[in-house]
Amino acid sequence: MLDALKQDMSGRAPVDVVRNYPYIEGVATESRSLAMSSIHELATLTSKGQITLPKSIRQALGVDTGGKVAFELRGGEVVVTRAEFEHEDPAIGAFLGLLEADIRAGRHLQSLPDDLVRAMLANAGHAVNLDEEIDGEVAL
């Protein structure tokens, strides 16, 4: 693939070749990085402080609509990478920290009731519509 890209250059600027380089989903990021390591693009900053990542950059990073990118300031340069994103909720994080401490100390641990285990296993993998109306009274 890299050889085909080099042969395709035929006097055109590398960025023009990259623009015409098809993004193939599932190709390892390292392969795309090798083929596109010298991409230089410009973007215009809007009045809201936003930019559009050029298509060749999005393809090289393997990000698409809804994908996340991370920015790192290194000296006078900004390095853009694909973000391996996990949602961090501070309340959940604090709860999980307390739970982990209890588990490590062997405190406040007991088995789940058998009927709850059976109900959970029976419903595992079933689709849930969170917008569905709830029947009956609900106490919060």
N, C-alpha and C. Protein backbone atom coordinates (compact mmCIF):
# COMPACT_ATOMS: atom_id res chain seq x y z
N MET A 1 0.82 -1.18 0.00
CA MET A 1 0.00 0.00 0.00
C MET A 1 0.87 1.25 0.00
N LEU A 2 1.92 1.25 0.81
CA LEU A 2 2.82 2.39 0.87
C LEU A 2 3.54 2.58 -0.46
N ASP A 3 3.93 1.46 -1.12
CA ASP A 3 4.58 1.55 -2.43
C ASP A 3 3.64 2.16 -3.46
N ALA A 4 2.38 1.75 -3.41
CA ALA A 4 1.41 2.31 -4.36
C ALA A 4 1.25 3.80 -4.15
N LEU A 5 1.30 4.24 -2.90
CA LEU A 5 1.19 5.66 -2.59
C LEU A 5 2.39 6.41 -3.13
N LYS A 6 3.58 5.85 -2.94
CA LYS A 6 4.80 6.50 -3.45
C LYS A 6 4.77 6.59 -4.98
N GLN A 7 4.33 5.51 -5.64
CA GLN A 7 4.29 5.50 -7.09
C GLN A 7 3.25 6.49 -7.60
N ASP A 8 2.18 6.67 -6.88
CA ASP A 8 1.10 7.54 -7.29
C ASP A 8 1.48 9.02 -7.21
N MET A 9 2.54 9.33 -6.49
CA MET A 9 2.92 10.72 -6.29
C MET A 9 3.20 11.41 -7.63
N SER A 10 3.89 10.79 -8.54
CA SER A 10 4.18 11.27 -9.89
C SER A 10 4.24 12.79 -9.99
N GLY A 11 5.02 13.40 -9.12
CA GLY A 11 5.24 14.83 -9.21
C GLY A 11 4.25 15.68 -8.45
N ARG A 12 3.17 15.10 -7.97
CA ARG A 12 2.20 15.90 -7.22
C ARG A 12 2.66 16.07 -5.78
N ALA A 13 2.18 17.11 -5.15
CA ALA A 13 2.53 17.36 -3.75
C ALA A 13 1.98 16.23 -2.89
N PRO A 14 2.71 15.81 -1.83
CA PRO A 14 2.24 14.70 -0.97
C PRO A 14 0.84 14.92 -0.43
N VAL A 15 0.47 16.17 -0.13
CA VAL A 15 -0.86 16.43 0.43
C VAL A 15 -1.93 16.09 -0.61
N ASP A 16 -1.66 16.37 -1.90
CA ASP A 16 -2.63 16.03 -2.94
C ASP A 16 -2.82 14.52 -3.02
N VAL A 17 -1.73 13.78 -2.86
CA VAL A 17 -1.82 12.32 -2.88
C VAL A 17 -2.64 11.84 -1.69
N VAL A 18 -2.40 12.42 -0.52
CA VAL A 18 -3.12 12.01 0.68
C VAL A 18 -4.60 12.31 0.53
N ARG A 19 -4.93 13.45 -0.06
CA ARG A 19 -6.35 13.79 -0.25
C ARG A 19 -7.05 12.73 -1.10
N ASN A 20 -6.31 12.15 -2.05
CA ASN A 20 -6.89 11.15 -2.93
C ASN A 20 -6.68 9.72 -2.41
N TYR A 21 -6.00 9.58 -1.27
CA TYR A 21 -5.72 8.27 -0.69
C TYR A 21 -6.98 7.77 -0.01
N PRO A 22 -7.54 6.63 -0.44
CA PRO A 22 -8.80 6.17 0.15
C PRO A 22 -8.60 5.70 1.58
N TYR A 23 -9.50 6.10 2.44
CA TYR A 23 -9.48 5.63 3.82
C TYR A 23 -10.14 4.26 3.83
N ILE A 24 -9.44 3.28 4.31
CA ILE A 24 -9.96 1.92 4.38
C ILE A 24 -10.15 1.59 5.85
N GLU A 25 -11.40 1.47 6.27
CA GLU A 25 -11.67 1.18 7.67
C GLU A 25 -11.09 -0.17 8.03
N GLY A 26 -10.44 -0.23 9.16
CA GLY A 26 -9.86 -1.47 9.63
C GLY A 26 -8.37 -1.58 9.33
N VAL A 27 -7.83 -0.66 8.52
CA VAL A 27 -6.38 -0.67 8.27
C VAL A 27 -5.72 -0.14 9.52
N ALA A 28 -4.66 -0.78 9.97
CA ALA A 28 -3.99 -0.39 11.21
C ALA A 28 -3.55 1.06 11.15
N THR A 29 -3.70 1.78 12.25
CA THR A 29 -3.31 3.18 12.33
C THR A 29 -1.85 3.35 11.99
N GLU A 30 -1.01 2.39 12.40
CA GLU A 30 0.41 2.51 12.12
C GLU A 30 0.66 2.56 10.62
N SER A 31 -0.09 1.77 9.84
CA SER A 31 0.09 1.77 8.38
C SER A 31 -0.26 3.12 7.82
N ARG A 32 -1.36 3.70 8.28
CA ARG A 32 -1.75 5.02 7.79
C ARG A 32 -0.74 6.05 8.24
N SER A 33 -0.23 5.92 9.45
CA SER A 33 0.74 6.89 9.95
C SER A 33 2.00 6.89 9.11
N LEU A 34 2.46 5.67 8.72
CA LEU A 34 3.66 5.60 7.89
C LEU A 34 3.41 6.26 6.54
N ALA A 35 2.24 6.02 5.98
CA ALA A 35 1.95 6.55 4.67
C ALA A 35 1.72 8.05 4.70
N MET A 36 1.29 8.58 5.83
CA MET A 36 0.89 9.97 5.89
C MET A 36 1.67 10.75 6.94
N SER A 37 2.88 10.37 7.22
CA SER A 37 3.61 11.00 8.31
C SER A 37 4.01 12.44 8.02
N SER A 38 3.99 12.87 6.76
CA SER A 38 4.44 14.23 6.46
C SER A 38 3.31 15.12 5.97
N ILE A 39 2.14 14.95 6.51
CA ILE A 39 0.99 15.77 6.10
C ILE A 39 1.14 17.16 6.72
N HIS A 40 0.93 18.16 5.91
CA HIS A 40 0.92 19.54 6.40
C HIS A 40 -0.34 20.20 5.85
N GLU A 41 -1.25 20.58 6.71
CA GLU A 41 -2.50 21.21 6.31
C GLU A 41 -2.70 22.48 7.11
N LEU A 42 -3.50 23.36 6.61
CA LEU A 42 -3.86 24.59 7.31
C LEU A 42 -5.36 24.56 7.61
N ALA A 43 -5.75 25.15 8.72
CA ALA A 43 -7.16 25.28 9.07
C ALA A 43 -7.36 26.69 9.59
N THR A 44 -8.56 27.21 9.41
CA THR A 44 -8.88 28.57 9.84
C THR A 44 -9.65 28.52 11.16
N LEU A 45 -9.24 29.33 12.09
CA LEU A 45 -9.89 29.42 13.40
C LEU A 45 -11.12 30.32 13.26
N THR A 46 -12.29 29.83 13.71
CA THR A 46 -13.51 30.63 13.63
C THR A 46 -13.58 31.59 14.81
N SER A 47 -14.57 32.46 14.79
CA SER A 47 -14.75 33.42 15.89
C SER A 47 -15.08 32.71 17.20
N LYS A 48 -15.56 31.46 17.12
CA LYS A 48 -15.87 30.67 18.32
C LYS A 48 -14.69 29.82 18.77
N GLY A 49 -13.52 29.99 18.12
CA GLY A 49 -12.34 29.23 18.50
C GLY A 49 -12.34 27.81 17.97
N GLN A 50 -13.12 27.54 16.92
CA GLN A 50 -13.23 26.20 16.37
C GLN A 50 -12.43 26.09 15.07
N ILE A 51 -12.01 24.85 14.78
CA ILE A 51 -11.38 24.55 13.49
C ILE A 51 -12.03 23.28 12.95
N THR A 52 -11.91 23.06 11.67
CA THR A 52 -12.31 21.80 11.06
C THR A 52 -11.04 21.04 10.76
N LEU A 53 -10.95 19.82 11.30
CA LEU A 53 -9.79 18.99 10.98
C LEU A 53 -9.87 18.61 9.51
N PRO A 54 -8.84 18.87 8.74
CA PRO A 54 -8.86 18.50 7.32
C PRO A 54 -9.07 16.99 7.16
N LYS A 55 -9.70 16.62 6.05
CA LYS A 55 -10.04 15.23 5.79
C LYS A 55 -8.82 14.32 5.87
N SER A 56 -7.70 14.76 5.31
CA SER A 56 -6.50 13.92 5.33
C SER A 56 -6.03 13.64 6.76
N ILE A 57 -6.18 14.62 7.65
CA ILE A 57 -5.80 14.45 9.06
C ILE A 57 -6.78 13.49 9.74
N ARG A 58 -8.08 13.68 9.49
CA ARG A 58 -9.08 12.76 10.08
C ARG A 58 -8.82 11.33 9.63
N GLN A 59 -8.51 11.15 8.35
CA GLN A 59 -8.24 9.81 7.84
C GLN A 59 -6.98 9.22 8.47
N ALA A 60 -5.94 10.03 8.59
CA ALA A 60 -4.69 9.54 9.17
C ALA A 60 -4.88 9.12 10.63
N LEU A 61 -5.74 9.86 11.35
CA LEU A 61 -6.00 9.53 12.75
C LEU A 61 -7.03 8.41 12.90
N GLY A 62 -7.79 8.16 11.84
CA GLY A 62 -8.84 7.14 11.91
C GLY A 62 -10.03 7.60 12.70
N VAL A 63 -10.37 8.89 12.63
CA VAL A 63 -11.55 9.41 13.33
C VAL A 63 -12.60 9.80 12.31
N ASP A 64 -13.85 9.66 12.72
CA ASP A 64 -14.97 9.98 11.86
C ASP A 64 -15.95 10.81 12.67
N THR A 65 -17.10 11.09 12.12
CA THR A 65 -18.11 11.89 12.80
C THR A 65 -18.36 11.34 14.21
N GLY A 66 -18.30 12.20 15.19
CA GLY A 66 -18.49 11.80 16.58
C GLY A 66 -17.24 11.28 17.25
N GLY A 67 -16.18 11.09 16.49
CA GLY A 67 -14.91 10.63 17.07
C GLY A 67 -14.29 11.71 17.93
N LYS A 68 -13.46 11.30 18.84
CA LYS A 68 -12.81 12.24 19.76
C LYS A 68 -11.33 12.36 19.44
N VAL A 69 -10.81 13.57 19.55
CA VAL A 69 -9.38 13.81 19.40
C VAL A 69 -8.88 14.50 20.65
N ALA A 70 -7.60 14.29 20.94
CA ALA A 70 -6.97 14.90 22.11
C ALA A 70 -5.92 15.89 21.62
N PHE A 71 -5.78 17.00 22.33
CA PHE A 71 -4.78 18.01 22.01
C PHE A 71 -3.76 18.07 23.14
N GLU A 72 -2.50 18.07 22.78
CA GLU A 72 -1.43 18.17 23.77
C GLU A 72 -0.50 19.29 23.32
N LEU A 73 -0.24 20.24 24.21
CA LEU A 73 0.66 21.34 23.91
C LEU A 73 2.06 20.95 24.34
N ARG A 74 2.98 20.87 23.38
CA ARG A 74 4.38 20.52 23.64
C ARG A 74 5.24 21.68 23.17
N GLY A 75 5.68 22.48 24.11
CA GLY A 75 6.44 23.67 23.72
C GLY A 75 5.56 24.57 22.89
N GLY A 76 5.99 24.88 21.68
CA GLY A 76 5.19 25.74 20.82
C GLY A 76 4.36 24.97 19.81
N GLU A 77 4.21 23.65 19.98
CA GLU A 77 3.47 22.83 19.04
C GLU A 77 2.27 22.18 19.70
N VAL A 78 1.22 22.00 18.92
CA VAL A 78 0.06 21.26 19.37
C VAL A 78 0.06 19.91 18.67
N VAL A 79 0.00 18.85 19.45
CA VAL A 79 -0.03 17.50 18.90
C VAL A 79 -1.47 17.00 19.02
N VAL A 80 -2.02 16.55 17.89
CA VAL A 80 -3.39 16.05 17.85
C VAL A 80 -3.34 14.54 17.67
N THR A 81 -4.03 13.83 18.56
CA THR A 81 -4.08 12.37 18.49
C THR A 81 -5.52 11.91 18.63
N ARG A 82 -5.78 10.69 18.18
CA ARG A 82 -7.11 10.12 18.39
C ARG A 82 -7.23 9.80 19.87
N ALA A 83 -8.34 10.21 20.47
CA ALA A 83 -8.54 9.97 21.89
C ALA A 83 -9.18 8.61 22.10
N GLU A 84 -8.58 7.85 22.96
CA GLU A 84 -9.21 6.60 23.41
C GLU A 84 -10.03 7.02 24.62
N PHE A 85 -11.29 7.22 24.40
CA PHE A 85 -12.16 7.94 25.31
C PHE A 85 -12.98 7.01 26.19
N GLU A 86 -12.95 7.29 27.47
CA GLU A 86 -13.84 6.63 28.42
C GLU A 86 -14.55 7.72 29.20
N HIS A 87 -15.85 7.58 29.34
CA HIS A 87 -16.62 8.58 30.06
C HIS A 87 -16.26 8.52 31.55
N GLU A 88 -15.93 9.65 32.11
CA GLU A 88 -15.58 9.73 33.53
C GLU A 88 -16.62 10.58 34.24
N ASP A 89 -17.42 9.98 35.05
CA ASP A 89 -18.39 10.70 35.86
C ASP A 89 -17.81 10.78 37.27
N PRO A 90 -17.62 12.00 37.81
CA PRO A 90 -16.98 12.11 39.13
C PRO A 90 -17.74 11.38 40.24
N ALA A 91 -19.07 11.38 40.18
CA ALA A 91 -19.85 10.70 41.22
C ALA A 91 -19.66 9.19 41.12
N ILE A 92 -19.68 8.68 39.92
CA ILE A 92 -19.47 7.23 39.73
C ILE A 92 -18.06 6.86 40.13
N GLY A 93 -17.09 7.70 39.75
CA GLY A 93 -15.70 7.44 40.12
C GLY A 93 -15.51 7.37 41.62
N ALA A 94 -16.14 8.31 42.34
CA ALA A 94 -16.05 8.31 43.81
C ALA A 94 -16.70 7.06 44.40
N PHE A 95 -17.88 6.70 43.87
CA PHE A 95 -18.58 5.50 44.35
C PHE A 95 -17.73 4.25 44.11
N LEU A 96 -17.17 4.15 42.90
CA LEU A 96 -16.35 2.97 42.60
C LEU A 96 -15.10 2.92 43.49
N GLY A 97 -14.56 4.08 43.83
CA GLY A 97 -13.42 4.12 44.75
C GLY A 97 -13.79 3.58 46.12
N LEU A 98 -14.95 3.99 46.63
CA LEU A 98 -15.42 3.48 47.93
C LEU A 98 -15.69 1.98 47.86
N LEU A 99 -16.32 1.56 46.77
CA LEU A 99 -16.61 0.14 46.60
C LEU A 99 -15.33 -0.68 46.55
N GLU A 100 -14.34 -0.19 45.83
CA GLU A 100 -13.06 -0.91 45.75
C GLU A 100 -12.41 -1.01 47.13
N ALA A 101 -12.45 0.08 47.89
CA ALA A 101 -11.85 0.05 49.23
C ALA A 101 -12.55 -0.97 50.12
N ASP A 102 -13.89 -1.04 50.04
CA ASP A 102 -14.64 -2.02 50.83
C ASP A 102 -14.30 -3.45 50.41
N ILE A 103 -14.20 -3.68 49.11
CA ILE A 103 -13.89 -5.03 48.62
C ILE A 103 -12.50 -5.44 49.09
N ARG A 104 -11.53 -4.54 48.96
CA ARG A 104 -10.16 -4.86 49.39
C ARG A 104 -10.10 -5.17 50.88
N ALA A 105 -10.90 -4.44 51.67
CA ALA A 105 -10.90 -4.63 53.13
C ALA A 105 -11.84 -5.75 53.56
N GLY A 106 -12.65 -6.26 52.62
CA GLY A 106 -13.58 -7.34 52.98
C GLY A 106 -14.77 -6.86 53.78
N ARG A 107 -15.10 -5.57 53.68
CA ARG A 107 -16.22 -5.01 54.44
C ARG A 107 -17.47 -4.91 53.57
N HIS A 108 -18.62 -4.94 54.23
CA HIS A 108 -19.91 -4.67 53.59
C HIS A 108 -20.15 -5.54 52.36
N LEU A 109 -19.66 -6.76 52.37
CA LEU A 109 -19.82 -7.65 51.23
C LEU A 109 -20.77 -8.76 51.58
N GLN A 110 -21.69 -9.03 50.68
CA GLN A 110 -22.57 -10.18 50.83
C GLN A 110 -23.02 -10.61 49.44
N SER A 111 -23.44 -11.81 49.32
CA SER A 111 -23.91 -12.33 48.05
C SER A 111 -25.23 -11.68 47.68
N LEU A 112 -25.45 -11.59 46.38
CA LEU A 112 -26.75 -11.09 45.92
C LEU A 112 -27.80 -12.14 46.23
N PRO A 113 -29.02 -11.71 46.54
CA PRO A 113 -30.10 -12.69 46.75
C PRO A 113 -30.31 -13.51 45.48
N ASP A 114 -30.62 -14.80 45.66
CA ASP A 114 -30.78 -15.71 44.52
C ASP A 114 -31.82 -15.23 43.53
N ASP A 115 -32.96 -14.69 44.02
CA ASP A 115 -34.01 -14.24 43.10
C ASP A 115 -33.53 -13.04 42.26
N LEU A 116 -32.70 -12.18 42.82
CA LEU A 116 -32.14 -11.05 42.07
C LEU A 116 -31.16 -11.55 41.01
N VAL A 117 -30.34 -12.52 41.37
CA VAL A 117 -29.39 -13.09 40.41
C VAL A 117 -30.15 -13.71 39.24
N ARG A 118 -31.22 -14.48 39.53
CA ARG A 118 -32.02 -15.12 38.47
C ARG A 118 -32.66 -14.05 37.58
N ALA A 119 -33.21 -13.00 38.16
CA ALA A 119 -33.85 -11.94 37.37
C ALA A 119 -32.82 -11.21 36.49
N MET A 120 -31.64 -10.96 37.04
CA MET A 120 -30.60 -10.29 36.25
C MET A 120 -30.17 -11.16 35.08
N LEU A 121 -29.95 -12.46 35.33
CA LEU A 121 -29.54 -13.37 34.26
C LEU A 121 -30.63 -13.52 33.21
N ALA A 122 -31.89 -13.53 33.63
CA ALA A 122 -33.00 -13.68 32.70
C ALA A 122 -33.11 -12.46 31.78
N ASN A 123 -32.72 -11.30 32.27
CA ASN A 123 -32.85 -10.07 31.48
C ASN A 123 -31.56 -9.64 30.81
N ALA A 124 -30.48 -10.35 31.04
CA ALA A 124 -29.20 -9.98 30.42
C ALA A 124 -29.31 -10.09 28.91
N GLY A 125 -28.88 -9.05 28.22
CA GLY A 125 -28.88 -9.06 26.76
C GLY A 125 -30.19 -8.62 26.13
N HIS A 126 -31.21 -8.34 26.92
CA HIS A 126 -32.48 -7.86 26.37
C HIS A 126 -32.37 -6.37 26.09
N ALA A 127 -32.94 -5.94 24.97
CA ALA A 127 -32.96 -4.52 24.63
C ALA A 127 -33.86 -3.78 25.61
N VAL A 128 -33.46 -2.56 25.95
CA VAL A 128 -34.22 -1.74 26.88
C VAL A 128 -34.52 -0.40 26.21
N ASN A 129 -35.77 0.01 26.24
CA ASN A 129 -36.15 1.32 25.71
C ASN A 129 -36.27 2.28 26.89
N LEU A 130 -35.29 3.16 27.03
CA LEU A 130 -35.27 4.08 28.18
C LEU A 130 -36.35 5.15 28.08
N ASP A 131 -36.97 5.31 26.91
CA ASP A 131 -38.04 6.30 26.74
C ASP A 131 -39.43 5.71 26.99
N GLU A 132 -39.47 4.42 27.25
CA GLU A 132 -40.74 3.74 27.47
C GLU A 132 -41.37 4.21 28.77
N GLU A 133 -42.70 4.34 28.75
CA GLU A 133 -43.43 4.75 29.95
C GLU A 133 -43.32 3.66 31.01
N ILE A 134 -43.29 4.08 32.28
CA ILE A 134 -43.22 3.15 33.40
C ILE A 134 -44.63 2.92 33.91
N ASP A 135 -45.00 1.63 34.07
CA ASP A 135 -46.30 1.28 34.60
C ASP A 135 -46.27 1.36 36.11
N GLY A 136 -47.33 1.90 36.72
CA GLY A 136 -47.44 1.91 38.17
C GLY A 136 -46.72 3.07 38.81
N GLU A 137 -46.75 3.08 40.15
CA GLU A 137 -46.12 4.13 40.94
C GLU A 137 -44.62 3.91 41.06
N VAL A 138 -43.87 4.99 41.06
CA VAL A 138 -42.43 4.92 41.22
C VAL A 138 -42.05 5.85 42.37
N ALA A 139 -41.35 5.33 43.35
CA ALA A 139 -40.87 6.15 44.47
C ALA A 139 -39.39 6.40 44.26
N LEU A 140 -39.02 7.66 44.27
CA LEU A 140 -37.60 7.99 44.12
C LEU A 140 -37.01 8.42 45.44
